[in-house]
Amino acid sequence: MTINTARAVRINIGYIGAHASLLVATVGLLFLQRYIWLLNIAERGYGPYQSASYLIGVSAVIVIIDFFILRSALKGSRRDRIISVLAPAAFLGIALFILVANNA
């Protein structure tokens, strides 16, 4: 492995780590929102039956979309890689908005 190849691998691992951490935070916020919502229903003693299967499906779609974005970005330039981080950041922003809007 040459020095340039080792450096490229480290850079790619950094971008993959950034995407992974943003996606983990997004999924965590979505599950936190569901947990808070279920606690509110339990306090009232009534409410619709809810499961996490819908939330798991949404999380899987988010991860799949980001996988394709990351795959194409790693083949491109550094600018493409930086721009690709905006997608999971947008997912995180949406999840944060949902959490704040539902608990306001």
Protein backbone atom coordinates (compact mmCIF):
# COMPACT_ATOMS: atom_id res chain seq x y z
CA MET A 1 0.00 0.00 0.00
CA THR A 2 1.47 3.31 -1.02
CA ILE A 3 1.33 6.48 1.00
CA ASN A 4 -1.31 8.01 -1.28
CA THR A 5 -3.48 4.92 -1.05
CA ALA A 6 -3.22 4.85 2.74
CA ARG A 7 -4.15 8.52 2.90
CA ALA A 8 -7.12 7.98 0.58
CA VAL A 9 -8.35 5.10 2.74
CA ARG A 10 -8.11 7.26 5.88
CA ILE A 11 -10.01 10.09 4.20
CA ASN A 12 -12.71 7.70 2.99
CA ILE A 13 -13.03 6.18 6.46
CA GLY A 14 -13.49 9.69 7.84
CA TYR A 15 -16.35 10.41 5.47
CA ILE A 16 -17.93 7.04 6.15
CA GLY A 17 -17.63 7.73 9.89
CA ALA A 18 -19.26 11.13 9.50
CA HIS A 19 -22.15 9.62 7.57
CA ALA A 20 -22.53 6.80 10.08
CA SER A 21 -22.52 9.10 13.11
CA LEU A 22 -25.09 11.42 11.54
CA LEU A 23 -27.32 8.49 10.63
CA VAL A 24 -27.04 6.96 14.10
CA ALA A 25 -28.04 10.30 15.61
CA THR A 26 -30.98 10.55 13.19
CA VAL A 27 -32.30 7.09 13.98
CA GLY A 28 -31.73 7.69 17.68
CA LEU A 29 -33.78 10.88 17.61
CA LEU A 30 -36.61 9.14 15.77
CA PHE A 31 -36.70 6.35 18.36
CA LEU A 32 -36.46 8.92 21.19
CA GLN A 33 -39.49 10.70 19.75
CA ARG A 34 -41.40 7.41 19.64
CA TYR A 35 -40.40 6.63 23.23
CA ILE A 36 -41.54 10.05 24.48
CA TRP A 37 -44.79 9.69 22.56
CA LEU A 38 -45.46 6.25 24.07
CA LEU A 39 -44.72 7.60 27.56
CA ASN A 40 -47.31 10.32 27.03
CA ILE A 41 -49.86 7.72 25.92
CA ALA A 42 -49.06 5.55 28.96
CA GLU A 43 -49.56 8.50 31.30
CA ARG A 44 -52.99 9.19 29.86
CA GLY A 45 -53.91 5.52 29.89
CA TYR A 46 -55.25 5.41 26.35
CA GLY A 47 -54.09 5.83 22.82
CA PRO A 48 -53.59 3.88 19.61
CA TYR A 49 -51.55 0.72 19.52
CA GLN A 50 -48.08 1.54 18.24
CA SER A 51 -45.14 -0.57 17.26
CA ALA A 52 -41.66 0.25 16.04
CA SER A 53 -41.98 -1.59 12.71
CA TYR A 54 -42.92 1.58 10.81
CA LEU A 55 -39.99 3.42 12.37
CA ILE A 56 -37.60 0.60 11.49
CA GLY A 57 -38.77 0.78 7.87
CA VAL A 58 -38.25 4.54 7.71
CA SER A 59 -34.79 4.16 9.24
CA ALA A 60 -33.88 1.48 6.72
CA VAL A 61 -34.96 3.70 3.82
CA ILE A 62 -32.87 6.59 5.18
CA VAL A 63 -29.80 4.34 5.50
CA ILE A 64 -30.27 2.90 1.99
CA ILE A 65 -30.61 6.35 0.44
CA ASP A 66 -27.49 7.52 2.23
CA PHE A 67 -25.60 4.39 1.18
CA PHE A 68 -26.17 5.24 -2.49
CA ILE A 69 -25.21 8.89 -1.91
CA LEU A 70 -22.03 7.87 -0.11
CA ARG A 71 -21.12 5.27 -2.72
CA SER A 72 -21.32 7.78 -5.54
CA ALA A 73 -19.53 10.47 -3.51
CA LEU A 74 -16.55 8.24 -2.70
CA LYS A 75 -15.97 7.79 -6.43
CA GLY A 76 -16.00 11.56 -6.99
CA SER A 77 -13.90 14.50 -5.94
CA ARG A 78 -13.37 15.92 -2.47
CA ARG A 79 -16.07 18.50 -3.13
CA ASP A 80 -18.54 15.70 -3.87
CA ARG A 81 -17.64 14.05 -0.57
CA ILE A 82 -18.19 17.24 1.38
CA ILE A 83 -21.52 17.88 -0.32
CA SER A 84 -22.59 14.28 0.35
CA VAL A 85 -22.46 14.95 4.10
CA LEU A 86 -25.36 17.36 3.62
CA ALA A 87 -27.80 14.47 3.01
CA PRO A 88 -27.41 12.80 6.43
CA ALA A 89 -27.21 16.25 8.03
CA ALA A 90 -30.58 17.05 6.42
CA PHE A 91 -32.00 13.77 7.75
CA LEU A 92 -30.73 14.71 11.20
CA GLY A 93 -32.31 18.17 10.91
CA ILE A 94 -35.64 16.65 9.93
CA ALA A 95 -35.52 14.22 12.87
CA LEU A 96 -34.65 17.06 15.25
CA PHE A 97 -37.52 19.13 13.85
CA ILE A 98 -39.92 16.21 14.37
CA LEU A 99 -38.73 15.79 17.96
CA VAL A 100 -39.06 19.48 18.79
CA ALA A 101 -42.36 20.00 16.93
CA ASN A 102 -44.07 17.02 18.55
CA ASN A 103 -42.96 17.92 22.07
CA ALA A 104 -43.52 21.67 21.96
